[in-house]
C-alpha atoms as a PDB file:
ATOM      1  CA  UNK A   1      -0.385  -0.032  -0.029  1.00  0.00           C
ATOM      2  CA  UNK A   2       1.073   3.727  -0.738  1.00  0.00           C
ATOM      3  CA  UNK A   3       2.081   5.913   1.786  1.00  0.00           C
ATOM      4  CA  UNK A   4      -1.034   7.958   3.460  1.00  0.00           C
ATOM      5  CA  UNK A   5      -1.021  11.520   1.990  1.00  0.00           C
ATOM      6  CA  UNK A   6      -2.962  14.436   2.607  1.00  0.00           C
ATOM      7  CA  UNK A   7      -6.270  14.413   4.704  1.00  0.00           C
ATOM      8  CA  UNK A   8      -6.882  11.811   7.445  1.00  0.00           C
ATOM      9  CA  UNK A   9     -10.634  10.642   7.343  1.00  0.00           C
ATOM     10  CA  UNK A  10     -12.241   9.332  10.334  1.00  0.00           C
ATOM     11  CA  UNK A  11     -15.039   6.898   9.442  1.00  0.00           C
ATOM     12  CA  UNK A  12     -17.745   7.109  12.368  1.00  0.00           C
ATOM     13  CA  UNK A  13     -19.524   3.931  11.651  1.00  0.00           C
ATOM     14  CA  UNK A  14     -17.242   1.399   9.783  1.00  0.00           C
ATOM     15  CA  UNK A  15     -19.976  -0.706   8.688  1.00  0.00           C
ATOM     16  CA  UNK A  16     -21.340  -1.600   5.186  1.00  0.00           C
ATOM     17  CA  UNK A  17     -20.931   1.800   4.018  1.00  0.00           C
ATOM     18  CA  UNK A  18     -18.484   3.678   5.945  1.00  0.00           C
ATOM     19  CA  UNK A  19     -16.143   0.199   5.626  1.00  0.00           C
ATOM     20  CA  UNK A  20     -16.221   0.342   2.225  1.00  0.00           C
ATOM     21  CA  UNK A  21     -15.490   4.060   1.889  1.00  0.00           C
ATOM     22  CA  UNK A  22     -12.757   3.566   4.397  1.00  0.00           C
ATOM     23  CA  UNK A  23     -11.552   0.539   2.717  1.00  0.00           C
ATOM     24  CA  UNK A  24     -11.596   2.233  -0.754  1.00  0.00           C
ATOM     25  CA  UNK A  25      -9.774   5.538   0.415  1.00  0.00           C
ATOM     26  CA  UNK A  26      -7.259   3.284   1.995  1.00  0.00           C
ATOM     27  CA  UNK A  27      -6.610   1.540  -1.346  1.00  0.00           C
ATOM     28  CA  UNK A  28      -5.718   4.873  -2.899  1.00  0.00           C
ATOM     29  CA  UNK A  29      -3.443   5.890  -0.144  1.00  0.00           C
ATOM     30  CA  UNK A  30      -5.452   7.903   1.825  1.00  0.00           C
ATOM     31  CA  UNK A  31      -5.050   7.684   5.459  1.00  0.00           C
ATOM     32  CA  UNK A  32      -8.164   6.427   7.273  1.00  0.00           C
ATOM     33  CA  UNK A  33      -9.357   5.825  10.941  1.00  0.00           C
ATOM     34  CA  UNK A  34     -12.155   3.416  11.422  1.00  0.00           C
ATOM     35  CA  UNK A  35     -14.640   3.888  14.445  1.00  0.00           C
ATOM     36  CA  UNK A  36     -16.474   0.955  15.324  1.00  0.00           C
ATOM     37  CA  UNK A  37     -17.894  -0.694  18.526  1.00  0.00           C
ATOM     38  CA  UNK A  38     -18.275  -4.281  19.916  1.00  0.00           C
ATOM     39  CA  UNK A  39     -17.260  -7.387  18.168  1.00  0.00           C
ATOM     40  CA  UNK A  40     -16.539  -5.638  15.078  1.00  0.00           C
ATOM     41  CA  UNK A  41     -14.093  -3.194  16.643  1.00  0.00           C
ATOM     42  CA  UNK A  42     -12.524  -6.075  18.493  1.00  0.00           C
ATOM     43  CA  UNK A  43     -12.083  -8.199  15.311  1.00  0.00           C
ATOM     44  CA  UNK A  44     -10.798  -5.185  13.102  1.00  0.00           C
ATOM     45  CA  UNK A  45      -8.436  -4.212  15.802  1.00  0.00           C
ATOM     46  CA  UNK A  46      -6.875  -7.691  15.942  1.00  0.00           C
ATOM     47  CA  UNK A  47      -7.283  -8.992  12.360  1.00  0.00           C
ATOM     48  CA  UNK A  48      -8.020  -5.826  10.118  1.00  0.00           C
ATOM     49  CA  UNK A  49     -10.931  -4.901   8.060  1.00  0.00           C
ATOM     50  CA  UNK A  50     -11.627  -7.733   5.233  1.00  0.00           C
ATOM     51  CA  UNK A  51     -12.914  -5.881   2.345  1.00  0.00           C
ATOM     52  CA  UNK A  52     -14.711  -8.067  -0.333  1.00  0.00           C
ATOM     53  CA  UNK A  53     -14.915  -6.493  -4.035  1.00  0.00           C
ATOM     54  CA  UNK A  54     -14.981  -7.628  -7.299  1.00  0.00           C
ATOM     55  CA  UNK A  55     -11.306  -7.156  -7.737  1.00  0.00           C
ATOM     56  CA  UNK A  56     -10.692  -9.550  -4.543  1.00  0.00           C
ATOM     57  CA  UNK A  57     -10.456  -9.349  -1.008  1.00  0.00           C
ATOM     58  CA  UNK A  58      -8.353  -6.806   0.587  1.00  0.00           C
ATOM     59  CA  UNK A  59      -7.147  -6.943   4.047  1.00  0.00           C
ATOM     60  CA  UNK A  60      -6.685  -3.416   5.860  1.00  0.00           C
ATOM     61  CA  UNK A  61      -4.917  -3.042   8.909  1.00  0.00           C
ATOM     62  CA  UNK A  62      -5.938   0.674   9.677  1.00  0.00           C
ATOM     63  CA  UNK A  63      -6.228   2.552  12.792  1.00  0.00           C
ATOM     64  CA  UNK A  64      -9.594   1.298  14.730  1.00  0.00           C
ATOM     65  CA  UNK A  65     -11.154   3.296  17.533  1.00  0.00           C
ATOM     66  CA  UNK A  66     -14.025   3.388  19.637  1.00  0.00           C
ATOM     67  CA  UNK A  67     -14.025   6.818  20.236  1.00  0.00           C
ATOM     68  CA  UNK A  68     -12.215  10.329  19.834  1.00  0.00           C
ATOM     69  CA  UNK A  69     -10.376   9.839  23.206  1.00  0.00           C
ATOM     70  CA  UNK A  70      -8.335   7.351  21.572  1.00  0.00           C
ATOM     71  CA  UNK A  71      -6.687   9.975  19.027  1.00  0.00           C
ATOM     72  CA  UNK A  72      -5.982  12.557  21.546  1.00  0.00           C
ATOM     73  CA  UNK A  73      -6.352  15.987  19.772  1.00  0.00           C
ATOM     74  CA  UNK A  74      -7.654  15.884  16.175  1.00  0.00           C
ATOM     75  CA  UNK A  75      -6.002  17.432  13.524  1.00  0.00           C
ATOM     76  CA  UNK A  76      -6.955  20.616  11.983  1.00  0.00           C
ATOM     77  CA  UNK A  77      -7.187  19.018   8.388  1.00  0.00           C
ATOM     78  CA  UNK A  78      -9.307  15.869   9.590  1.00  0.00           C
ATOM     79  CA  UNK A  79     -12.319  15.079   7.853  1.00  0.00           C
ATOM     80  CA  UNK A  80     -15.114  13.511  10.059  1.00  0.00           C
ATOM     81  CA  UNK A  81     -17.563  11.035   8.025  1.00  0.00           C
ATOM     82  CA  UNK A  82     -20.605  10.244   9.674  1.00  0.00           C
ATOM     83  CA  UNK A  83     -21.803   6.673   8.372  1.00  0.00           C
ATOM     84  CA  UNK A  84     -23.832   5.558  11.251  1.00  0.00           C
ATOM     85  CA  UNK A  85     -27.707   4.770  10.783  1.00  0.00           C
ATOM     86  CA  UNK A  86     -29.673   7.908  11.237  1.00  0.00           C
ATOM     87  CA  UNK A  87     -31.301   6.918  14.491  1.00  0.00           C
ATOM     88  CA  UNK A  88     -27.749   6.571  16.075  1.00  0.00           C
ATOM     89  CA  UNK A  89     -26.746   9.983  14.906  1.00  0.00           C
ATOM     90  CA  UNK A  90     -27.206  12.015  17.980  1.00  0.00           C
ATOM     91  CA  UNK A  91     -25.208  10.228  20.278  1.00  0.00           C
ATOM     92  CA  UNK A  92     -22.244   9.846  17.613  1.00  0.00           C
ATOM     93  CA  UNK A  93     -22.179  13.753  16.977  1.00  0.00           C
ATOM     94  CA  UNK A  94     -22.501  14.485  20.487  1.00  0.00           C
ATOM     95  CA  UNK A  95     -19.365  12.233  21.222  1.00  0.00           C
ATOM     96  CA  UNK A  96     -17.136  13.683  18.227  1.00  0.00           C
ATOM     97  CA  UNK A  97     -18.337  17.203  18.453  1.00  0.00           C
ATOM     98  CA  UNK A  98     -16.944  17.535  21.644  1.00  0.00           C
ATOM     99  CA  UNK A  99     -13.431  16.512  20.687  1.00  0.00           C
ATOM    100  CA  UNK A 100     -10.713  18.871  21.077  1.00  0.00           C
ATOM    101  CA  UNK A 101      -8.607  19.998  17.847  1.00  0.00           C
ATOM    102  CA  UNK A 102      -5.123  20.572  18.004  1.00  0.00           C
ATOM    103  CA  UNK A 103      -4.786  24.701  17.941  1.00  0.00           C
ATOM    104  CA  UNK A 104      -7.982  25.290  20.001  1.00  0.00           C
ATOM    105  CA  UNK A 105     -11.394  24.676  19.520  1.00  0.00           C
ATOM    106  CA  UNK A 106     -13.626  21.694  19.336  1.00  0.00           C
ATOM    107  CA  UNK A 107     -14.394  19.248  15.965  1.00  0.00           C
ATOM    108  CA  UNK A 108     -18.014  21.008  16.293  1.00  0.00           C
ATOM    109  CA  UNK A 109     -16.584  24.324  15.689  1.00  0.00           C
ATOM    110  CA  UNK A 110     -13.432  23.556  13.390  1.00  0.00           C
ATOM    111  CA  UNK A 111     -14.068  20.156  11.248  1.00  0.00           C
ATOM    112  CA  UNK A 112     -16.127  19.270   8.425  1.00  0.00           C
ATOM    113  CA  UNK A 113     -18.839  16.708   9.101  1.00  0.00           C
ATOM    114  CA  UNK A 114     -19.793  14.432   5.866  1.00  0.00           C
ATOM    115  CA  UNK A 115     -23.061  12.844   6.459  1.00  0.00           C
ATOM    116  CA  UNK A 116     -23.049   9.420   4.186  1.00  0.00           C
ATOM    117  CA  UNK A 117     -26.456   8.259   5.227  1.00  0.00           C
ATOM    118  CA  UNK A 118     -29.691   7.405   4.015  1.00  0.00           C
ATOM    119  CA  UNK A 119     -32.597   9.917   4.486  1.00  0.00           C
ATOM    120  CA  UNK A 120     -31.992  13.634   5.282  1.00  0.00           C
ATOM    121  CA  UNK A 121     -32.310  13.838   8.839  1.00  0.00           C
ATOM    122  CA  UNK A 122     -28.868  12.995   9.831  1.00  0.00           C
ATOM    123  CA  UNK A 123     -27.353  16.198   8.398  1.00  0.00           C
ATOM    124  CA  UNK A 124     -30.002  18.364   9.993  1.00  0.00           C
ATOM    125  CA  UNK A 125     -29.101  16.833  13.318  1.00  0.00           C
ATOM    126  CA  UNK A 126     -25.606  17.515  12.450  1.00  0.00           C
ATOM    127  CA  UNK A 127     -26.192  21.091  11.746  1.00  0.00           C
ATOM    128  CA  UNK A 128     -27.427  21.793  15.363  1.00  0.00           C
ATOM    129  CA  UNK A 129     -23.797  21.487  16.546  1.00  0.00           C
ATOM    130  CA  UNK A 130     -21.440  21.407  13.475  1.00  0.00           C
ATOM    131  CA  UNK A 131     -20.636  24.296  11.786  1.00  0.00           C
ATOM    132  CA  UNK A 132     -19.651  22.661   8.615  1.00  0.00           C
ATOM    133  CA  UNK A 133     -21.711  19.976   7.124  1.00  0.00           C
ATOM    134  CA  UNK A 134     -21.819  18.272   4.000  1.00  0.00           C
ATOM    135  CA  UNK A 135     -24.425  15.771   2.745  1.00  0.00           C
ATOM    136  CA  UNK A 136     -24.002  12.799   0.430  1.00  0.00           C
ATOM    137  CA  UNK A 137     -26.491  10.929  -1.745  1.00  0.00           C
ATOM    138  CA  UNK A 138     -25.287   7.575  -1.458  1.00  0.00           C
ATOM    139  CA  UNK A 139     -25.492   5.114  -4.456  1.00  0.00           C
ATOM    140  CA  UNK A 140     -23.378   2.554  -3.117  1.00  0.00           C
ATOM    141  CA  UNK A 141     -24.338  -1.227  -2.913  1.00  0.00           C
ATOM    142  CA  UNK A 142     -22.700  -2.770   0.250  1.00  0.00           C
ATOM    143  CA  UNK A 143     -23.301  -5.365   3.059  1.00  0.00           C
ATOM    144  CA  UNK A 144     -22.080  -6.005   6.499  1.00  0.00           C
ATOM    145  CA  UNK A 145     -21.223  -9.571   6.064  1.00  0.00           C
ATOM    146  CA  UNK A 146     -19.808 -10.584   9.632  1.00  0.00           C
ATOM    147  CA  UNK A 147     -17.772  -8.802  12.503  1.00  0.00           C
ATOM    148  CA  UNK A 148     -14.719  -7.423  10.450  1.00  0.00           C
ATOM    149  CA  UNK A 149     -15.851  -8.208   6.897  1.00  0.00           C
ATOM    150  CA  UNK A 150     -17.762  -5.931   4.519  1.00  0.00           C
ATOM    151  CA  UNK A 151     -18.514  -6.334   0.938  1.00  0.00           C
ATOM    152  CA  UNK A 152     -19.287  -4.036  -1.924  1.00  0.00           C
ATOM    153  CA  UNK A 153     -20.210  -5.629  -5.206  1.00  0.00           C
ATOM    154  CA  UNK A 154     -20.311  -2.625  -7.323  1.00  0.00           C
ATOM    155  CA  UNK A 155     -18.337  -2.444 -10.433  1.00  0.00           C
ATOM    156  CA  UNK A 156     -16.750  -0.644 -12.687  1.00  0.00           C
ATOM    157  CA  UNK A 157     -17.149   1.868  -9.903  1.00  0.00           C
ATOM    158  CA  UNK A 158     -17.722   1.030  -6.114  1.00  0.00           C
ATOM    159  CA  UNK A 159     -20.299   3.706  -5.960  1.00  0.00           C
ATOM    160  CA  UNK A 160     -21.579   6.990  -7.044  1.00  0.00           C
ATOM    161  CA  UNK A 161     -21.693   9.898  -4.386  1.00  0.00           C
ATOM    162  CA  UNK A 162     -23.193  13.081  -5.160  1.00  0.00           C
ATOM    163  CA  UNK A 163     -22.014  15.650  -2.411  1.00  0.00           C
ATOM    164  CA  UNK A 164     -22.510  19.294  -1.565  1.00  0.00           C
ATOM    165  CA  UNK A 165     -22.535  21.449   1.544  1.00  0.00           C
ATOM    166  CA  UNK A 166     -25.812  21.395   3.729  1.00  0.00           C
ATOM    167  CA  UNK A 167     -28.179  22.933   3.573  1.00  0.00           C
ATOM    168  CA  UNK A 168     -26.807  24.001  -0.136  1.00  0.00           C
ATOM    169  CA  UNK A 169     -23.820  25.299  -1.880  1.00  0.00           C
ATOM    170  CA  UNK A 170     -20.178  24.448  -2.425  1.00  0.00           C
ATOM    171  CA  UNK A 171     -16.625  25.262  -1.193  1.00  0.00           C
ATOM    172  CA  UNK A 172     -13.003  24.300  -1.461  1.00  0.00           C
ATOM    173  CA  UNK A 173     -13.503  21.505   1.176  1.00  0.00           C
ATOM    174  CA  UNK A 174     -16.290  19.649  -0.722  1.00  0.00           C
ATOM    175  CA  UNK A 175     -14.334  19.966  -3.761  1.00  0.00           C
ATOM    176  CA  UNK A 176     -10.975  18.347  -1.912  1.00  0.00           C
ATOM    177  CA  UNK A 177     -13.150  15.566  -0.501  1.00  0.00           C
ATOM    178  CA  UNK A 178     -14.574  14.656  -3.858  1.00  0.00           C
ATOM    179  CA  UNK A 179     -11.190  14.659  -5.677  1.00  0.00           C
ATOM    180  CA  UNK A 180     -10.207  12.331  -2.911  1.00  0.00           C
ATOM    181  CA  UNK A 181     -13.166  10.040  -3.484  1.00  0.00           C
ATOM    182  CA  UNK A 182     -12.684   9.852  -7.006  1.00  0.00           C
ATOM    183  CA  UNK A 183      -9.000   8.465  -6.591  1.00  0.00           C
ATOM    184  CA  UNK A 184     -11.022   5.700  -4.609  1.00  0.00           C
ATOM    185  CA  UNK A 185     -12.821   3.897  -7.165  1.00  0.00           C
ATOM    186  CA  UNK A 186     -15.964   6.358  -6.650  1.00  0.00           C
ATOM    187  CA  UNK A 187     -17.602   8.864  -8.718  1.00  0.00           C
ATOM    188  CA  UNK A 188     -18.301  11.956  -6.668  1.00  0.00           C
ATOM    189  CA  UNK A 189     -20.287  14.884  -8.410  1.00  0.00           C
ATOM    190  CA  UNK A 190     -19.970  18.132  -6.502  1.00  0.00           C
ATOM    191  CA  UNK A 191     -23.516  19.564  -6.276  1.00  0.00           C
ATOM    192  CA  UNK A 192     -25.033  22.705  -5.058  1.00  0.00           C
ATOM    193  CA  UNK A 193     -28.150  21.155  -4.489  1.00  0.00           C
ATOM    194  CA  UNK A 194     -27.303  17.764  -2.926  1.00  0.00           C
ATOM    195  CA  UNK A 195     -30.758  17.757  -1.072  1.00  0.00           C
ATOM    196  CA  UNK A 196     -32.370  17.188  -4.752  1.00  0.00           C
ATOM    197  CA  UNK A 197     -30.450  13.980  -5.026  1.00  0.00           C
ATOM    198  CA  UNK A 198     -31.218  12.613  -1.530  1.00  0.00           C
ATOM    199  CA  UNK A 199     -34.959  13.269  -1.590  1.00  0.00           C
ATOM    200  CA  UNK A 200     -35.097  11.016  -4.918  1.00  0.00           C
ATOM    201  CA  UNK A 201     -33.059   8.496  -3.126  1.00  0.00           C
ATOM    202  CA  UNK A 202     -35.419   8.699  -0.245  1.00  0.00           C
ATOM    203  CA  UNK A 203     -38.180   7.588  -2.500  1.00  0.00           C
ATOM    204  CA  UNK A 204     -36.454   4.706  -3.653  1.00  0.00           C
ATOM    205  CA  UNK A 205     -35.530   3.759  -0.066  1.00  0.00           C
ATOM    206  CA  UNK A 206     -39.403   3.956   1.134  1.00  0.00           C
ATOM    207  CA  UNK A 207     -39.367   0.302  -0.190  1.00  0.00           C
ATOM    208  CA  UNK A 208     -36.782  -0.699   2.360  1.00  0.00           C
ATOM    209  CA  UNK A 209     -39.397  -1.513   5.004  1.00  0.00           C
ATOM    210  CA  UNK A 210     -40.965  -3.753   2.691  1.00  0.00           C
ATOM    211  CA  UNK A 211     -38.177  -5.567   1.703  1.00  0.00           C
ATOM    212  CA  UNK A 212     -37.143  -6.188   5.265  1.00  0.00           C
ATOM    213  CA  UNK A 213     -40.560  -7.560   6.428  1.00  0.00           C
ATOM    214  CA  UNK A 214     -41.351  -9.581   3.297  1.00  0.00           C
ATOM    215  CA  UNK A 215     -38.208 -10.330   0.888  1.00  0.00           C
ATOM    216  CA  UNK A 216     -38.076 -11.307  -1.485  1.00  0.00           C
ATOM    217  CA  UNK A 217     -41.153  -9.608  -3.061  1.00  0.00           C
ATOM    218  CA  UNK A 218     -42.364 -11.543  -5.849  1.00  0.00           C
ATOM    219  CA  UNK A 219     -46.093 -10.938  -6.390  1.00  0.00           C
ATOM    220  CA  UNK A 220     -47.763  -8.287  -8.454  1.00  0.00           C
ATOM    221  CA  UNK A 221     -49.977  -6.966  -5.584  1.00  0.00           C
ATOM    222  CA  UNK A 222     -46.770  -6.467  -3.461  1.00  0.00           C
ATOM    223  CA  UNK A 223     -44.862  -4.685  -6.177  1.00  0.00           C
ATOM    224  CA  UNK A 224     -48.126  -2.627  -6.715  1.00  0.00           C
ATOM    225  CA  UNK A 225     -47.931  -1.955  -2.875  1.00  0.00           C
ATOM    226  CA  UNK A 226     -44.294  -0.044  -3.390  1.00  0.00           C
ATOM    227  CA  UNK A 227     -45.522   2.119  -6.463  1.00  0.00           C
ATOM    228  CA  UNK A 228     -48.577   3.247  -3.986  1.00  0.00           C
ATOM    229  CA  UNK A 229     -46.116   3.790  -1.149  1.00  0.00           C
ATOM    230  CA  UNK A 230     -43.883   5.815  -3.476  1.00  0.00           C
ATOM    231  CA  UNK A 231     -46.709   7.744  -4.767  1.00  0.00           C
ATOM    232  CA  UNK A 232     -47.692   9.014  -1.262  1.00  0.00           C
ATOM    233  CA  UNK A 233     -43.942  10.142  -1.018  1.00  0.00           C
ATOM    234  CA  UNK A 234     -44.202  12.051  -4.319  1.00  0.00           C
ATOM    235  CA  UNK A 235     -47.491  13.585  -3.182  1.00  0.00           C
ATOM    236  CA  UNK A 236     -46.026  14.674   0.109  1.00  0.00           C
ATOM    237  CA  UNK A 237     -43.095  16.203  -1.339  1.00  0.00           C
ATOM    238  CA  UNK A 238     -45.021  18.166  -3.978  1.00  0.00           C
ATOM    239  CA  UNK A 239     -46.940  19.454  -1.202  1.00  0.00           C
ATOM    240  CA  UNK A 240     -44.276  20.499   1.017  1.00  0.00           C
ATOM    241  CA  UNK A 241     -42.818  22.246  -2.279  1.00  0.00           C
ATOM    242  CA  UNK A 242     -39.670  19.781  -1.927  1.00  0.00           C
ATOM    243  CA  UNK A 243     -37.940  19.438  -5.371  1.00  0.00           C
ATOM    244  CA  UNK A 244     -36.063  16.141  -6.319  1.00  0.00           C
ATOM    245  CA  UNK A 245     -34.439  14.818  -9.373  1.00  0.00           C
ATOM    246  CA  UNK A 246     -36.321  12.743 -11.785  1.00  0.00           C
ATOM    247  CA  UNK A 247     -35.840   9.138 -12.718  1.00  0.00           C
ATOM    248  CA  UNK A 248     -34.418   9.886 -15.887  1.00  0.00           C
ATOM    249  CA  UNK A 249     -31.906  12.022 -14.238  1.00  0.00           C
ATOM    250  CA  UNK A 250     -30.843   9.533 -11.840  1.00  0.00           C
ATOM    251  CA  UNK A 251     -30.507   6.936 -14.514  1.00  0.00           C
ATOM    252  CA  UNK A 252     -28.191   9.214 -16.660  1.00  0.00           C
ATOM    253  CA  UNK A 253     -25.841   9.667 -13.608  1.00  0.00           C
ATOM    254  CA  UNK A 254     -25.803   6.222 -12.429  1.00  0.00           C
ATOM    255  CA  UNK A 255     -26.580   3.957 -15.460  1.00  0.00           C
ATOM    256  CA  UNK A 256     -23.786   1.579 -16.269  1.00  0.00           C
ATOM    257  CA  UNK A 257     -21.332   2.833 -13.742  1.00  0.00           C
ATOM    258  CA  UNK A 258     -22.364   0.508 -10.711  1.00  0.00           C
ATOM    259  CA  UNK A 259     -23.520  -2.748 -11.777  1.00  0.00           C
ATOM    260  CA  UNK A 260     -23.535  -5.725  -9.399  1.00  0.00           C
ATOM    261  CA  UNK A 261     -24.656  -9.400  -9.383  1.00  0.00           C
ATOM    262  CA  UNK A 262     -27.052 -10.521  -6.607  1.00  0.00           C
ATOM    263  CA  UNK A 263     -28.833  -8.452  -4.255  1.00  0.00           C
ATOM    264  CA  UNK A 264     -30.544  -8.663  -0.870  1.00  0.00           C
ATOM    265  CA  UNK A 265     -33.034  -6.763   1.623  1.00  0.00           C
ATOM    266  CA  UNK A 266     -30.894  -3.712   1.643  1.00  0.00           C
ATOM    267  CA  UNK A 267     -29.759  -1.887   4.878  1.00  0.00           C
ATOM    268  CA  UNK A 268     -33.008  -2.381   6.659  1.00  0.00           C
ATOM    269  CA  UNK A 269     -33.040  -6.091   6.038  1.00  0.00           C
ATOM    270  CA  UNK A 270     -29.638  -6.133   7.440  1.00  0.00           C
ATOM    271  CA  UNK A 271     -30.607  -4.381  10.563  1.00  0.00           C
ATOM    272  CA  UNK A 272     -33.214  -7.234  11.113  1.00  0.00           C
ATOM    273  CA  UNK A 273     -30.896  -9.792  10.362  1.00  0.00           C
ATOM    274  CA  UNK A 274     -28.182  -8.597  12.817  1.00  0.00           C
ATOM    275  CA  UNK A 275     -30.742  -8.099  15.453  1.00  0.00           C
ATOM    276  CA  UNK A 276     -29.888  -4.527  16.252  1.00  0.00           C
ATOM    277  CA  UNK A 277     -33.010  -3.539  17.671  1.00  0.00           C
ATOM    278  CA  UNK A 278     -33.109  -0.631  15.823  1.00  0.00           C
ATOM    279  CA  UNK A 279     -34.018   0.362  12.248  1.00  0.00           C
ATOM    280  CA  UNK A 280     -33.819   3.356  10.011  1.00  0.00           C
ATOM    281  CA  UNK A 281     -37.757   3.367   9.064  1.00  0.00           C
ATOM    282  CA  UNK A 282     -38.283   6.339  11.302  1.00  0.00           C
ATOM    283  CA  UNK A 283     -35.983   8.441   8.958  1.00  0.00           C
ATOM    284  CA  UNK A 284     -37.189   6.958   5.755  1.00  0.00           C
ATOM    285  CA  UNK A 285     -40.953   6.228   5.756  1.00  0.00           C
ATOM    286  CA  UNK A 286     -41.348   8.144   8.772  1.00  0.00           C
ATOM    287  CA  UNK A 287     -39.716  11.285   6.909  1.00  0.00           C
ATOM    288  CA  UNK A 288     -42.817  10.893   4.549  1.00  0.00           C
ATOM    289  CA  UNK A 289     -45.104  10.721   7.402  1.00  0.00           C
ATOM    290  CA  UNK A 290     -43.827  13.578   9.306  1.00  0.00           C
ATOM    291  CA  UNK A 291     -43.970  15.699   6.154  1.00  0.00           C
ATOM    292  CA  UNK A 292     -47.646  14.460   5.477  1.00  0.00           C
ATOM    293  CA  UNK A 293     -48.606  15.679   8.872  1.00  0.00           C
ATOM    294  CA  UNK A 294     -47.120  19.084   8.486  1.00  0.00           C
ATOM    295  CA  UNK A 295     -48.867  19.695   5.049  1.00  0.00           C
ATOM    296  CA  UNK A 296     -52.182  17.874   5.304  1.00  0.00           C
ATOM    297  CA  UNK A 297     -51.345  14.768   3.239  1.00  0.00           C
ATOM    298  CA  UNK A 298     -52.579  11.447   4.192  1.00  0.00           C
ATOM    299  CA  UNK A 299     -49.800   8.602   4.306  1.00  0.00           C
ATOM    300  CA  UNK A 300     -51.421   5.593   5.604  1.00  0.00           C
ATOM    301  CA  UNK A 301     -49.052   3.168   3.666  1.00  0.00           C
ATOM    302  CA  UNK A 302     -45.739   4.830   5.153  1.00  0.00           C
ATOM    303  CA  UNK A 303     -47.586   4.972   8.829  1.00  0.00           C
ATOM    304  CA  UNK A 304     -47.973   1.225   8.517  1.00  0.00           C
ATOM    305  CA  UNK A 305     -44.556   0.471   7.016  1.00  0.00           C
ATOM    306  CA  UNK A 306     -43.004   2.680   9.750  1.00  0.00           C
ATOM    307  CA  UNK A 307     -44.849   1.277  12.428  1.00  0.00           C
ATOM    308  CA  UNK A 308     -44.326  -2.424  11.412  1.00  0.00           C
ATOM    309  CA  UNK A 309     -40.527  -2.086  10.811  1.00  0.00           C
ATOM    310  CA  UNK A 310     -39.929  -0.353  14.125  1.00  0.00           C
ATOM    311  CA  UNK A 311     -42.000  -3.198  15.881  1.00  0.00           C
ATOM    312  CA  UNK A 312     -39.840  -6.040  14.204  1.00  0.00           C
ATOM    313  CA  UNK A 313     -36.957  -4.472  15.060  1.00  0.00           C
ATOM    314  CA  UNK A 314     -37.833  -3.824  18.669  1.00  0.00           C
ATOM    315  CA  UNK A 315     -38.914  -7.451  19.095  1.00  0.00           C
ATOM    316  CA  UNK A 316     -36.143  -8.880  17.103  1.00  0.00           C
ATOM    317  CA  UNK A 317     -38.167 -10.525  14.646  1.00  0.00           C
ATOM    318  CA  UNK A 318     -36.750 -12.283  11.576  1.00  0.00           C
ATOM    319  CA  UNK A 319     -36.112 -10.293   8.514  1.00  0.00           C
ATOM    320  CA  UNK A 320     -38.591 -11.453   5.717  1.00  0.00           C
ATOM    321  CA  UNK A 321     -40.942 -13.238   8.102  1.00  0.00           C
ATOM    322  CA  UNK A 322     -44.014 -11.364   7.365  1.00  0.00           C
ATOM    323  CA  UNK A 323     -45.664 -13.425   4.400  1.00  0.00           C
ATOM    324  CA  UNK A 324     -46.383 -10.932   1.373  1.00  0.00           C
ATOM    325  CA  UNK A 325     -50.076 -11.637   1.309  1.00  0.00           C
ATOM    326  CA  UNK A 326     -50.331 -10.466   4.951  1.00  0.00           C
ATOM    327  CA  UNK A 327     -48.609  -7.150   4.270  1.00  0.00           C
ATOM    328  CA  UNK A 328     -50.838  -6.657   1.373  1.00  0.00           C
ATOM    329  CA  UNK A 329     -53.757  -7.207   3.472  1.00  0.00           C
ATOM    330  CA  UNK A 330     -52.651  -5.208   6.300  1.00  0.00           C
ATOM    331  CA  UNK A 331     -51.967  -2.266   3.697  1.00  0.00           C
ATOM    332  CA  UNK A 332     -55.883  -2.497   2.307  1.00  0.00           C
ATOM    333  CA  UNK A 333     -56.674  -2.135   5.821  1.00  0.00           C
ATOM    334  CA  UNK A 334     -54.691   0.901   6.278  1.00  0.00           C
ATOM    335  CA  UNK A 335     -55.955   2.784   3.331  1.00  0.00           C
ATOM    336  CA  UNK A 336     -59.586   1.852   4.254  1.00  0.00           C
ATOM    337  CA  UNK A 337     -59.292   3.073   7.713  1.00  0.00           C
ATOM    338  CA  UNK A 338     -57.743   6.410   6.482  1.00  0.00           C
ATOM    339  CA  UNK A 339     -61.088   6.879   4.566  1.00  0.00           C
ATOM    340  CA  UNK A 340     -61.503   8.951   1.339  1.00  0.00           C
ATOM    341  CA  UNK A 341     -58.044  10.690   1.691  1.00  0.00           C
ATOM    342  CA  UNK A 342     -56.077   7.450   1.606  1.00  0.00           C
ATOM    343  CA  UNK A 343     -54.300   6.099  -1.497  1.00  0.00           C
ATOM    344  CA  UNK A 344     -56.415   3.353  -2.858  1.00  0.00           C
ATOM    345  CA  UNK A 345     -54.600  -0.013  -4.114  1.00  0.00           C
END
């Protein structure tokens, strides 16, 4: 491996997405610190991070910590990358925001925080304490295989990461981060309106709960259910006046750049499979529910999926254990109960 150069990237949450970004940056010669907890931390500390990709398995023996105290004073040119699930953002941001930086001040005052997460809430939480927050629209297939092992099957690129300052704009920092990512098997377009990309991705992520509850989805009724769930989301975004990129624009940005073989239930499926006790539905379907309540748009299907997914996570029910027909029945009942304002299936 080449010598580390330039910025040090501190990956807060070195799971599927964070571990992949950290591994690829390390492959490209950038200095990386991985932040993890529990068995994942212990395995990486002892044996390194095993990163599985189409070009083979890479073992990265990188600095691994559980929190900022192990690093002492942070460097003035460090970049913090928040890759925990949205529901875990608050604790991570509080912990790292208070970390001292060489020359004075805290991380929240002086360092950039790059939010590499599904949904839009993590960066809003970050902006409460960090002065410089950057959002990323994550188009990156990756999985947490087991403690110490992550995989990313995308090729020829590992992922496409639209990046911009939150809530809007670009600056020299975001250009530098994007340039580093593009040395590391990513395309990283710098955009002044990153939220437009994130809200479009959010609409796709509304299927995560369906997949987590009833994967694999095979029936026509279940596929139509997702279309109606997405239609609720689109109605809510219109009512809220929130723009998002079109499907055609997404296809033009991603088409042919990140192909992968196989598949799975996605990040929410992985949360249920790992039995973490939490799931990101409150920040995916729940974002649509929140906006619907604020703008007077009924969202019975997203409410159902949010409630069912969080119940499954809390009770540690197996991923995919809700029969597809039962999910469709519950959806029909939710729409009927919502009355004339609901979405007909």
